Amino acid sequence: MRYALIVCVPLALAACGPSISQVTMAYLPPRAADCEIAFAPSIPIEQQRPGGPYIVLGHITIAETGITNPFSPRYAQIVRPRACAMGGELVTIGAHATSQQMIGSGSGTVYTVLKKRPETGLERREGGQI
């Protein structure tokens, strides 16, 4: 019975698909769901801070049973329409973690949605934030 649980529970969880959550931090007009989005493996955090060349629009988190590749086309299909809805132009990986245990494994990825800061236009509040 114990062996059946160890095998069946991870398989049942895997059949459910990924868990997806989203946090929006800046509200811009949405772009078309199939908009052009660049996926970059890494953008230095200094470039994402207030006043830097990129505006952080939000984060999309995907968690799933098993060991996953955060750059897979499957995840790009999940992230793209959400990033476009935020008004994003660029997606980078903020964090990725994988855990392996006796009863199974799981992975989680936080994608950061960015937009290039315009040269002019957006007003800055006191403290340098938008």
N, C-alpha and C. Protein backbone atom coordinates (compact mmCIF):
# COMPACT_ATOMS: atom_id res chain seq x y z
N MET A 1 0.83 -1.19 0.00
CA MET A 1 0.00 0.00 0.00
C MET A 1 0.87 1.25 0.00
N ARG A 2 1.90 1.25 0.82
CA ARG A 2 2.78 2.41 0.90
C ARG A 2 3.44 2.69 -0.45
N TYR A 3 3.90 1.63 -1.11
CA TYR A 3 4.54 1.78 -2.41
C TYR A 3 3.56 2.36 -3.43
N ALA A 4 2.32 1.92 -3.38
CA ALA A 4 1.31 2.42 -4.30
C ALA A 4 1.11 3.93 -4.12
N LEU A 5 1.11 4.40 -2.88
CA LEU A 5 0.96 5.83 -2.62
C LEU A 5 2.16 6.61 -3.14
N ILE A 6 3.36 6.06 -2.92
CA ILE A 6 4.58 6.75 -3.36
C ILE A 6 4.58 6.90 -4.88
N VAL A 7 4.06 5.94 -5.60
CA VAL A 7 4.04 5.99 -7.06
C VAL A 7 2.84 6.78 -7.58
N CYS A 8 1.67 6.56 -7.01
CA CYS A 8 0.44 7.14 -7.55
C CYS A 8 0.25 8.62 -7.25
N VAL A 9 0.62 9.07 -6.06
CA VAL A 9 0.39 10.47 -5.70
C VAL A 9 1.17 11.42 -6.62
N PRO A 10 2.49 11.23 -6.85
CA PRO A 10 3.17 12.12 -7.78
C PRO A 10 2.60 12.05 -9.20
N LEU A 11 2.20 10.87 -9.64
CA LEU A 11 1.61 10.75 -10.98
C LEU A 11 0.29 11.50 -11.07
N ALA A 12 -0.52 11.42 -10.03
CA ALA A 12 -1.79 12.14 -10.02
C ALA A 12 -1.57 13.64 -10.03
N LEU A 13 -0.59 14.11 -9.26
CA LEU A 13 -0.28 15.54 -9.25
C LEU A 13 0.23 16.01 -10.60
N ALA A 14 1.02 15.21 -11.25
CA ALA A 14 1.56 15.58 -12.55
C ALA A 14 0.46 15.70 -13.59
N ALA A 15 -0.58 14.90 -13.45
CA ALA A 15 -1.69 14.94 -14.40
C ALA A 15 -2.48 16.24 -14.29
N CYS A 16 -2.35 16.95 -13.18
CA CYS A 16 -3.11 18.17 -12.97
C CYS A 16 -2.55 19.34 -13.76
N GLY A 17 -1.33 19.28 -14.21
CA GLY A 17 -0.73 20.39 -14.94
C GLY A 17 -0.10 21.40 -14.01
N PRO A 18 0.44 22.46 -14.57
CA PRO A 18 1.15 23.43 -13.75
C PRO A 18 0.21 24.34 -12.96
N SER A 19 0.73 24.84 -11.86
CA SER A 19 0.05 25.88 -11.09
C SER A 19 0.62 27.21 -11.55
N ILE A 20 -0.26 28.14 -11.92
CA ILE A 20 0.18 29.42 -12.47
C ILE A 20 -0.38 30.55 -11.62
N SER A 21 0.49 31.48 -11.25
CA SER A 21 0.03 32.68 -10.54
C SER A 21 0.70 33.90 -11.16
N GLN A 22 0.11 35.04 -10.91
CA GLN A 22 0.58 36.26 -11.55
C GLN A 22 0.44 37.43 -10.59
N VAL A 23 1.44 38.30 -10.57
CA VAL A 23 1.41 39.53 -9.78
C VAL A 23 1.70 40.68 -10.73
N THR A 24 0.79 41.66 -10.77
CA THR A 24 1.00 42.84 -11.59
C THR A 24 1.46 43.97 -10.70
N MET A 25 2.56 44.61 -11.08
CA MET A 25 3.14 45.67 -10.26
C MET A 25 2.99 47.05 -10.88
N ALA A 26 2.82 47.12 -12.19
CA ALA A 26 2.62 48.39 -12.89
C ALA A 26 1.56 48.13 -13.96
N TYR A 27 0.65 49.04 -14.10
CA TYR A 27 -0.47 48.85 -15.02
C TYR A 27 -0.26 49.69 -16.28
N LEU A 28 -0.11 48.98 -17.40
CA LEU A 28 0.03 49.61 -18.70
C LEU A 28 -1.04 49.03 -19.62
N PRO A 29 -1.33 49.68 -20.73
CA PRO A 29 -2.29 49.11 -21.67
C PRO A 29 -1.82 47.74 -22.15
N PRO A 30 -2.74 46.78 -22.26
CA PRO A 30 -2.35 45.44 -22.74
C PRO A 30 -1.98 45.48 -24.21
N ARG A 31 -1.17 44.52 -24.58
CA ARG A 31 -0.83 44.30 -25.98
C ARG A 31 -1.60 43.08 -26.46
N ALA A 32 -1.63 42.83 -27.75
CA ALA A 32 -2.32 41.66 -28.30
C ALA A 32 -1.76 40.39 -27.66
N ALA A 33 -2.61 39.38 -27.46
CA ALA A 33 -2.20 38.14 -26.79
C ALA A 33 -1.05 37.42 -27.49
N ASP A 34 -0.89 37.65 -28.80
CA ASP A 34 0.19 37.00 -29.54
C ASP A 34 1.30 37.99 -29.88
N CYS A 35 1.46 39.03 -29.04
CA CYS A 35 2.46 40.07 -29.30
C CYS A 35 3.88 39.47 -29.30
N GLU A 36 4.78 40.22 -29.86
CA GLU A 36 6.19 39.82 -29.91
C GLU A 36 6.81 40.08 -28.53
N ILE A 37 7.31 39.03 -27.91
CA ILE A 37 7.96 39.12 -26.59
C ILE A 37 9.34 38.49 -26.72
N ALA A 38 10.34 39.19 -26.25
CA ALA A 38 11.69 38.63 -26.21
C ALA A 38 11.88 37.89 -24.89
N PHE A 39 12.48 36.72 -24.93
CA PHE A 39 12.81 35.96 -23.72
C PHE A 39 14.32 36.03 -23.54
N ALA A 40 14.74 36.61 -22.42
CA ALA A 40 16.17 36.76 -22.13
C ALA A 40 16.50 35.90 -20.92
N PRO A 41 17.60 35.15 -20.95
CA PRO A 41 17.94 34.30 -19.81
C PRO A 41 18.19 35.10 -18.54
N SER A 42 18.73 36.30 -18.65
CA SER A 42 19.06 37.07 -17.45
C SER A 42 19.21 38.54 -17.79
N ILE A 43 18.65 39.38 -16.94
CA ILE A 43 18.85 40.83 -17.01
C ILE A 43 19.37 41.23 -15.63
N PRO A 44 20.51 41.90 -15.53
CA PRO A 44 21.04 42.26 -14.21
C PRO A 44 20.01 43.03 -13.38
N ILE A 45 19.92 42.71 -12.11
CA ILE A 45 18.94 43.33 -11.22
C ILE A 45 19.10 44.84 -11.18
N GLU A 46 20.32 45.34 -11.35
CA GLU A 46 20.55 46.78 -11.34
C GLU A 46 19.76 47.48 -12.45
N GLN A 47 19.53 46.77 -13.56
CA GLN A 47 18.79 47.35 -14.67
C GLN A 47 17.28 47.30 -14.46
N GLN A 48 16.84 46.60 -13.40
CA GLN A 48 15.42 46.46 -13.12
C GLN A 48 14.96 47.35 -11.96
N ARG A 49 15.87 48.04 -11.33
CA ARG A 49 15.51 48.88 -10.18
C ARG A 49 14.85 50.18 -10.66
N PRO A 50 14.16 50.87 -9.76
CA PRO A 50 13.56 52.16 -10.15
C PRO A 50 14.61 53.10 -10.73
N GLY A 51 14.29 53.70 -11.84
CA GLY A 51 15.22 54.59 -12.52
C GLY A 51 16.12 53.89 -13.51
N GLY A 52 16.12 52.55 -13.52
CA GLY A 52 16.94 51.79 -14.45
C GLY A 52 16.32 51.76 -15.84
N PRO A 53 16.97 51.07 -16.78
CA PRO A 53 16.48 51.07 -18.16
C PRO A 53 15.20 50.25 -18.38
N TYR A 54 14.80 49.42 -17.40
CA TYR A 54 13.60 48.60 -17.55
C TYR A 54 12.60 48.89 -16.44
N ILE A 55 11.33 48.82 -16.78
CA ILE A 55 10.24 48.92 -15.80
C ILE A 55 9.78 47.50 -15.53
N VAL A 56 9.72 47.10 -14.27
CA VAL A 56 9.19 45.78 -13.90
C VAL A 56 7.67 45.90 -13.86
N LEU A 57 7.00 45.17 -14.74
CA LEU A 57 5.54 45.22 -14.82
C LEU A 57 4.89 44.19 -13.91
N GLY A 58 5.58 43.08 -13.67
CA GLY A 58 5.02 42.04 -12.82
C GLY A 58 5.80 40.75 -12.91
N HIS A 59 5.22 39.72 -12.28
CA HIS A 59 5.85 38.40 -12.24
C HIS A 59 4.81 37.33 -12.55
N ILE A 60 5.23 36.30 -13.26
CA ILE A 60 4.40 35.14 -13.56
C ILE A 60 5.13 33.94 -12.98
N THR A 61 4.46 33.18 -12.12
CA THR A 61 5.08 32.03 -11.48
C THR A 61 4.42 30.75 -11.97
N ILE A 62 5.23 29.79 -12.34
CA ILE A 62 4.75 28.47 -12.77
C ILE A 62 5.41 27.43 -11.88
N ALA A 63 4.59 26.61 -11.23
CA ALA A 63 5.09 25.51 -10.41
C ALA A 63 4.48 24.22 -10.93
N GLU A 64 5.29 23.18 -10.97
CA GLU A 64 4.81 21.92 -11.52
C GLU A 64 5.57 20.75 -10.92
N THR A 65 4.89 19.62 -10.86
CA THR A 65 5.52 18.39 -10.41
C THR A 65 6.53 17.95 -11.46
N GLY A 66 7.69 17.49 -11.00
CA GLY A 66 8.72 17.02 -11.91
C GLY A 66 9.80 18.07 -12.12
N ILE A 67 10.84 17.67 -12.79
CA ILE A 67 11.94 18.57 -13.11
C ILE A 67 11.62 19.21 -14.46
N THR A 68 11.62 20.54 -14.49
CA THR A 68 11.20 21.24 -15.70
C THR A 68 12.31 22.14 -16.24
N ASN A 69 12.19 22.48 -17.51
CA ASN A 69 13.11 23.40 -18.17
C ASN A 69 12.39 24.74 -18.30
N PRO A 70 12.86 25.78 -17.61
CA PRO A 70 12.15 27.06 -17.66
C PRO A 70 12.14 27.71 -19.04
N PHE A 71 13.00 27.25 -19.96
CA PHE A 71 13.07 27.81 -21.30
C PHE A 71 12.27 26.98 -22.32
N SER A 72 11.46 26.03 -21.85
CA SER A 72 10.74 25.17 -22.79
C SER A 72 9.69 25.96 -23.57
N PRO A 73 9.43 25.59 -24.81
CA PRO A 73 8.40 26.25 -25.61
C PRO A 73 7.02 26.17 -24.94
N ARG A 74 6.77 25.10 -24.22
CA ARG A 74 5.49 24.94 -23.51
C ARG A 74 5.29 26.09 -22.51
N TYR A 75 6.33 26.43 -21.76
CA TYR A 75 6.20 27.51 -20.79
C TYR A 75 6.13 28.87 -21.48
N ALA A 76 6.82 29.01 -22.60
CA ALA A 76 6.72 30.27 -23.36
C ALA A 76 5.28 30.50 -23.81
N GLN A 77 4.57 29.42 -24.18
CA GLN A 77 3.17 29.54 -24.58
C GLN A 77 2.28 29.95 -23.41
N ILE A 78 2.65 29.57 -22.21
CA ILE A 78 1.89 29.97 -21.02
C ILE A 78 2.20 31.41 -20.64
N VAL A 79 3.46 31.79 -20.71
CA VAL A 79 3.90 33.11 -20.25
C VAL A 79 3.55 34.21 -21.24
N ARG A 80 3.69 33.96 -22.54
CA ARG A 80 3.53 35.01 -23.56
C ARG A 80 2.21 35.78 -23.45
N PRO A 81 1.04 35.15 -23.46
CA PRO A 81 -0.20 35.94 -23.43
C PRO A 81 -0.35 36.74 -22.13
N ARG A 82 0.16 36.20 -21.03
CA ARG A 82 0.07 36.92 -19.75
C ARG A 82 1.00 38.14 -19.75
N ALA A 83 2.20 37.96 -20.29
CA ALA A 83 3.14 39.08 -20.37
C ALA A 83 2.62 40.15 -21.33
N CYS A 84 2.01 39.74 -22.43
CA CYS A 84 1.43 40.69 -23.38
C CYS A 84 0.28 41.45 -22.72
N ALA A 85 -0.53 40.76 -21.93
CA ALA A 85 -1.65 41.41 -21.24
C ALA A 85 -1.14 42.46 -20.25
N MET A 86 0.07 42.27 -19.72
CA MET A 86 0.66 43.26 -18.81
C MET A 86 1.27 44.44 -19.57
N GLY A 87 1.40 44.32 -20.90
CA GLY A 87 2.05 45.36 -21.68
C GLY A 87 3.54 45.13 -21.84
N GLY A 88 4.00 43.93 -21.53
CA GLY A 88 5.43 43.62 -21.52
C GLY A 88 6.06 43.53 -22.89
N GLU A 89 7.37 43.70 -22.92
CA GLU A 89 8.17 43.57 -24.13
C GLU A 89 9.27 42.51 -23.97
N LEU A 90 9.61 42.20 -22.74
CA LEU A 90 10.73 41.31 -22.45
C LEU A 90 10.40 40.48 -21.22
N VAL A 91 10.77 39.20 -21.26
CA VAL A 91 10.58 38.31 -20.11
C VAL A 91 11.93 37.71 -19.76
N THR A 92 12.24 37.72 -18.48
CA THR A 92 13.48 37.11 -18.00
C THR A 92 13.13 36.21 -16.81
N ILE A 93 14.04 35.35 -16.45
CA ILE A 93 13.81 34.47 -15.31
C ILE A 93 14.34 35.15 -14.06
N GLY A 94 13.43 35.40 -13.11
CA GLY A 94 13.80 35.99 -11.84
C GLY A 94 14.37 34.96 -10.89
N ALA A 95 13.79 33.76 -10.91
CA ALA A 95 14.25 32.66 -10.04
C ALA A 95 13.73 31.34 -10.59
N HIS A 96 14.51 30.29 -10.38
CA HIS A 96 14.09 28.93 -10.76
C HIS A 96 14.64 27.98 -9.70
N ALA A 97 13.78 27.07 -9.24
CA ALA A 97 14.22 26.10 -8.23
C ALA A 97 13.62 24.74 -8.54
N THR A 98 14.38 23.70 -8.23
CA THR A 98 13.91 22.32 -8.37
C THR A 98 14.18 21.60 -7.07
N SER A 99 13.22 20.80 -6.65
CA SER A 99 13.36 20.01 -5.43
C SER A 99 13.12 18.55 -5.76
N GLN A 100 14.04 17.69 -5.33
CA GLN A 100 13.88 16.25 -5.51
C GLN A 100 13.80 15.60 -4.15
N GLN A 101 12.74 14.83 -3.96
CA GLN A 101 12.53 14.12 -2.70
C GLN A 101 12.22 12.67 -2.99
N MET A 102 12.10 11.89 -1.94
CA MET A 102 11.87 10.46 -2.10
C MET A 102 10.55 10.18 -2.82
N ILE A 103 9.52 10.99 -2.58
CA ILE A 103 8.22 10.70 -3.19
C ILE A 103 7.99 11.44 -4.50
N GLY A 104 8.94 12.24 -4.94
CA GLY A 104 8.77 12.92 -6.20
C GLY A 104 9.63 14.17 -6.28
N SER A 105 9.38 14.94 -7.30
CA SER A 105 10.14 16.17 -7.50
C SER A 105 9.21 17.26 -7.98
N GLY A 106 9.68 18.49 -7.89
CA GLY A 106 8.89 19.62 -8.35
C GLY A 106 9.80 20.77 -8.72
N SER A 107 9.28 21.64 -9.57
CA SER A 107 10.04 22.80 -10.02
C SER A 107 9.15 24.03 -9.98
N GLY A 108 9.79 25.16 -9.78
CA GLY A 108 9.07 26.43 -9.80
C GLY A 108 9.92 27.49 -10.47
N THR A 109 9.29 28.31 -11.29
CA THR A 109 9.99 29.38 -12.00
C THR A 109 9.21 30.67 -11.85
N VAL A 110 9.92 31.75 -11.54
CA VAL A 110 9.33 33.08 -11.49
C VAL A 110 9.87 33.84 -12.70
N TYR A 111 8.97 34.19 -13.60
CA TYR A 111 9.32 34.98 -14.78
C TYR A 111 9.04 36.45 -14.46
N THR A 112 9.97 37.33 -14.78
CA THR A 112 9.79 38.77 -14.58
C THR A 112 9.46 39.40 -15.91
N VAL A 113 8.37 40.17 -15.93
CA VAL A 113 7.91 40.83 -17.15
C VAL A 113 8.41 42.27 -17.13
N LEU A 114 9.10 42.67 -18.18
CA LEU A 114 9.73 43.99 -18.24
C LEU A 114 9.28 44.77 -19.48
N LYS A 115 9.44 46.07 -19.40
CA LYS A 115 9.24 46.97 -20.53
C LYS A 115 10.39 47.95 -20.53
N LYS A 116 10.93 48.21 -21.70
CA LYS A 116 12.02 49.19 -21.81
C LYS A 116 11.47 50.56 -21.42
N ARG A 117 12.19 51.23 -20.53
CA ARG A 117 11.77 52.56 -20.10
C ARG A 117 11.93 53.53 -21.26
N PRO A 118 10.88 54.28 -21.57
CA PRO A 118 11.01 55.26 -22.67
C PRO A 118 11.99 56.37 -22.31
N GLU A 119 12.59 56.94 -23.31
CA GLU A 119 13.54 58.03 -23.09
C GLU A 119 12.84 59.22 -22.43
N THR A 120 11.61 59.49 -22.83
CA THR A 120 10.81 60.57 -22.25
C THR A 120 9.37 60.09 -22.15
N GLY A 121 8.57 60.80 -21.41
CA GLY A 121 7.15 60.47 -21.37
C GLY A 121 6.64 60.14 -19.98
N LEU A 122 7.15 59.07 -19.38
CA LEU A 122 6.63 58.68 -18.07
C LEU A 122 7.17 59.63 -17.01
N GLU A 123 6.27 60.20 -16.25
CA GLU A 123 6.66 61.10 -15.17
C GLU A 123 7.19 60.29 -14.00
N ARG A 124 8.12 60.84 -13.29
CA ARG A 124 8.67 60.17 -12.11
C ARG A 124 8.15 60.86 -10.87
N ARG A 125 7.80 60.05 -9.90
CA ARG A 125 7.39 60.57 -8.61
C ARG A 125 8.61 60.86 -7.76
N GLU A 126 8.40 61.52 -6.65
CA GLU A 126 9.48 61.77 -5.72
C GLU A 126 10.10 60.44 -5.32
N GLY A 127 11.38 60.35 -5.28
CA GLY A 127 12.07 59.09 -4.95
C GLY A 127 12.50 58.34 -6.18
N GLY A 128 12.19 58.84 -7.39
CA GLY A 128 12.66 58.20 -8.61
C GLY A 128 11.78 57.10 -9.14
N GLN A 129 10.65 56.79 -8.50
CA GLN A 129 9.78 55.74 -8.97
C GLN A 129 8.74 56.29 -9.92
N ILE A 130 8.22 55.41 -10.72
CA ILE A 130 7.18 55.79 -11.68
C ILE A 130 5.87 55.98 -10.96
